[in-house]
């Protein structure tokens, strides 16, 4: 894969970054890029019955950002399928053995701002759709990516588990 495609693939995989900061206020002054955050409040449509599933999605984003692969493993169903950039990882082990490490590395230098989120529950299945901006640097220059993410979760006896993730992103036009 070409270097530029690798960066885009990593960025696509990292739409989880908004999850790491989804429940924070827009003025998170502890982050170096806090001034880049918009003053508008994220548009959130999460009914009470979906809050537990959303909490798992947020915890997953935080765990990846912290490179806490033990927690990442605990939240993913063993048969999870992750689609991104035209490719697929077809199990938790495949993701943890390949992309999870590069996702964590990328997130170490990335800041995310959640702009929209919608979640729904139907029986033991939930979906969470998020839109965000990822702020990072490429070749020493600031870069903003518009990112979307969908996660599907299943309510198991041990709680909500992520069974499917779809990540997509593109550079924001200036």
Protein backbone atom coordinates (compact mmCIF):
# COMPACT_ATOMS: atom_id res chain seq x y z
CA UNK A 1 0.00 0.00 0.00
CA UNK A 2 1.33 3.45 -0.86
CA UNK A 3 2.32 5.72 2.06
CA UNK A 4 -0.53 8.16 1.39
CA UNK A 5 -3.01 5.28 1.23
CA UNK A 6 -1.59 3.89 4.47
CA UNK A 7 -2.21 7.21 6.22
CA UNK A 8 -5.74 7.35 4.87
CA UNK A 9 -6.35 3.73 5.87
CA UNK A 10 -5.14 4.45 9.38
CA UNK A 11 -7.31 7.54 9.51
CA UNK A 12 -10.29 5.53 8.33
CA UNK A 13 -9.62 3.02 11.04
CA UNK A 14 -9.42 5.74 13.60
CA UNK A 15 -12.83 7.12 13.45
CA UNK A 16 -12.98 5.64 16.92
CA UNK A 17 -11.17 8.71 18.13
CA UNK A 18 -14.43 10.63 18.56
CA UNK A 19 -15.48 7.98 20.96
CA UNK A 20 -12.55 8.70 23.20
CA UNK A 21 -13.82 12.23 23.72
CA UNK A 22 -17.53 11.92 22.96
CA UNK A 23 -18.73 12.69 26.46
CA UNK A 24 -16.33 15.56 27.13
CA UNK A 25 -17.24 19.21 26.85
CA UNK A 26 -16.12 21.14 23.78
CA UNK A 27 -13.60 23.15 25.83
CA UNK A 28 -11.33 20.30 26.94
CA UNK A 29 -8.48 22.57 27.96
CA UNK A 30 -6.23 19.67 28.88
CA UNK A 31 -5.56 18.97 25.22
CA UNK A 32 -3.12 20.87 23.05
CA UNK A 33 -5.72 21.31 20.31
CA UNK A 34 -8.54 22.52 22.56
CA UNK A 35 -8.64 25.85 20.70
CA UNK A 36 -9.52 23.99 17.50
CA UNK A 37 -12.75 22.67 18.97
CA UNK A 38 -15.88 24.33 17.63
CA UNK A 39 -18.05 26.22 20.08
CA UNK A 40 -21.17 24.45 18.82
CA UNK A 41 -22.45 21.57 20.90
CA UNK A 42 -22.53 18.12 19.30
CA UNK A 43 -25.93 16.97 18.08
CA UNK A 44 -26.70 13.88 20.13
CA UNK A 45 -29.73 11.61 19.61
CA UNK A 46 -29.30 8.79 22.13
CA UNK A 47 -32.42 7.48 23.89
CA UNK A 48 -32.07 6.14 27.45
CA UNK A 49 -32.25 2.51 26.32
CA UNK A 50 -29.15 3.04 24.12
CA UNK A 51 -26.98 4.73 26.75
CA UNK A 52 -25.31 1.50 27.95
CA UNK A 53 -24.33 0.55 24.38
CA UNK A 54 -23.00 4.07 23.77
CA UNK A 55 -20.97 3.80 26.98
CA UNK A 56 -19.27 0.70 25.53
CA UNK A 57 -18.53 2.54 22.28
CA UNK A 58 -17.00 5.43 24.25
CA UNK A 59 -15.00 3.08 26.48
CA UNK A 60 -13.71 1.29 23.36
CA UNK A 61 -12.46 4.59 21.92
CA UNK A 62 -10.74 5.49 25.18
CA UNK A 63 -9.14 2.04 25.42
CA UNK A 64 -7.72 2.26 21.88
CA UNK A 65 -6.43 5.78 22.50
CA UNK A 66 -4.71 4.51 25.66
CA UNK A 67 -3.36 1.39 23.89
CA UNK A 68 -5.21 -0.69 26.50
CA UNK A 69 -5.58 -3.77 24.34
CA UNK A 70 -6.86 -5.91 27.22
CA UNK A 71 -9.90 -3.61 27.49
CA UNK A 72 -10.27 -3.46 23.70
CA UNK A 73 -10.34 -7.25 23.61
CA UNK A 74 -12.97 -7.38 26.36
CA UNK A 75 -15.35 -5.13 24.40
CA UNK A 76 -15.06 -6.88 21.05
CA UNK A 77 -17.00 -10.02 20.19
CA UNK A 78 -14.58 -12.77 19.07
CA UNK A 79 -16.27 -12.82 15.64
CA UNK A 80 -16.35 -9.02 15.16
CA UNK A 81 -16.03 -7.83 11.58
CA UNK A 82 -14.36 -4.47 10.99
CA UNK A 83 -14.73 -2.82 7.58
CA UNK A 84 -12.59 0.11 6.50
CA UNK A 85 -11.02 1.52 3.39
CA UNK A 86 -12.32 -1.33 1.25
CA UNK A 87 -10.80 -3.98 3.51
CA UNK A 88 -11.95 -6.20 6.33
CA UNK A 89 -10.66 -7.69 9.53
CA UNK A 90 -12.81 -10.69 10.32
CA UNK A 91 -12.16 -11.36 13.98
CA UNK A 92 -11.08 -9.80 17.24
CA UNK A 93 -7.77 -11.68 17.06
CA UNK A 94 -7.10 -10.42 13.53
CA UNK A 95 -7.77 -6.81 14.58
CA UNK A 96 -5.69 -7.05 17.75
CA UNK A 97 -2.85 -8.72 15.87
CA UNK A 98 -2.77 -6.15 13.11
CA UNK A 99 -4.59 -2.83 13.03
CA UNK A 100 -5.17 -2.14 16.73
CA UNK A 101 -1.53 -1.21 17.32
CA UNK A 102 -1.37 1.23 14.41
CA UNK A 103 -4.74 2.70 15.44
CA UNK A 104 -3.41 3.34 18.96
CA UNK A 105 -0.20 4.89 17.61
CA UNK A 106 -2.16 7.23 15.34
CA UNK A 107 -4.53 8.25 18.13
CA UNK A 108 -1.62 9.20 20.37
CA UNK A 109 -1.15 12.30 18.18
CA UNK A 110 -4.77 12.91 17.24
CA UNK A 111 -7.53 14.98 18.78
CA UNK A 112 -11.18 14.31 18.04
CA UNK A 113 -14.31 16.46 18.15
CA UNK A 114 -17.66 14.69 18.05
CA UNK A 115 -20.20 16.58 15.93
CA UNK A 116 -23.15 14.16 15.70
CA UNK A 117 -24.22 10.87 17.22
CA UNK A 118 -27.34 8.76 16.88
CA UNK A 119 -28.00 5.43 18.59
CA UNK A 120 -30.88 2.96 18.66
CA UNK A 121 -31.66 -0.36 20.34
CA UNK A 122 -33.88 -3.13 18.96
CA UNK A 123 -34.06 -6.08 21.33
CA UNK A 124 -30.53 -7.34 21.99
CA UNK A 125 -29.02 -5.33 19.12
CA UNK A 126 -27.87 -1.72 19.20
CA UNK A 127 -26.24 0.56 16.66
CA UNK A 128 -24.30 3.75 17.26
CA UNK A 129 -23.47 6.13 14.39
CA UNK A 130 -20.98 8.94 15.04
CA UNK A 131 -19.60 11.82 12.97
CA UNK A 132 -16.51 13.72 14.03
CA UNK A 133 -13.45 15.70 13.05
CA UNK A 134 -9.99 14.27 13.65
CA UNK A 135 -7.24 16.84 14.11
CA UNK A 136 -3.70 15.58 13.47
CA UNK A 137 -0.46 16.49 11.71
CA UNK A 138 0.95 15.08 8.49
CA UNK A 139 4.49 15.98 7.49
CA UNK A 140 4.52 18.67 10.20
CA UNK A 141 1.36 20.37 8.89
CA UNK A 142 -2.05 20.37 10.58
CA UNK A 143 -4.64 18.16 8.93
CA UNK A 144 -8.34 17.67 9.66
CA UNK A 145 -10.25 14.56 8.66
CA UNK A 146 -14.03 14.24 8.57
CA UNK A 147 -14.83 10.83 10.01
CA UNK A 148 -17.84 8.59 10.30
CA UNK A 149 -18.28 5.42 12.29
CA UNK A 150 -20.99 2.85 12.78
CA UNK A 151 -20.80 0.24 15.52
CA UNK A 152 -23.27 -2.59 15.99
CA UNK A 153 -23.42 -4.21 19.40
CA UNK A 154 -25.06 -7.33 20.80
CA UNK A 155 -26.34 -7.54 24.37
CA UNK A 156 -24.78 -10.71 25.81
CA UNK A 157 -24.97 -12.19 29.32
CA UNK A 158 -21.70 -10.33 30.03
CA UNK A 159 -22.98 -7.01 28.64
CA UNK A 160 -22.84 -5.18 25.32
CA UNK A 161 -20.18 -6.49 22.88
CA UNK A 162 -19.15 -4.86 19.62
CA UNK A 163 -19.94 -7.23 16.72
CA UNK A 164 -19.39 -4.89 13.77
CA UNK A 165 -17.51 -1.66 13.07
CA UNK A 166 -17.43 0.40 9.88
CA UNK A 167 -15.01 3.34 9.72
CA UNK A 168 -14.67 5.95 6.99
CA UNK A 169 -12.92 9.31 6.70
CA UNK A 170 -11.75 11.91 4.22
CA UNK A 171 -9.72 15.11 4.41
CA UNK A 172 -11.76 18.19 5.26
CA UNK A 173 -11.76 20.79 2.53
CA UNK A 174 -10.39 24.14 3.68
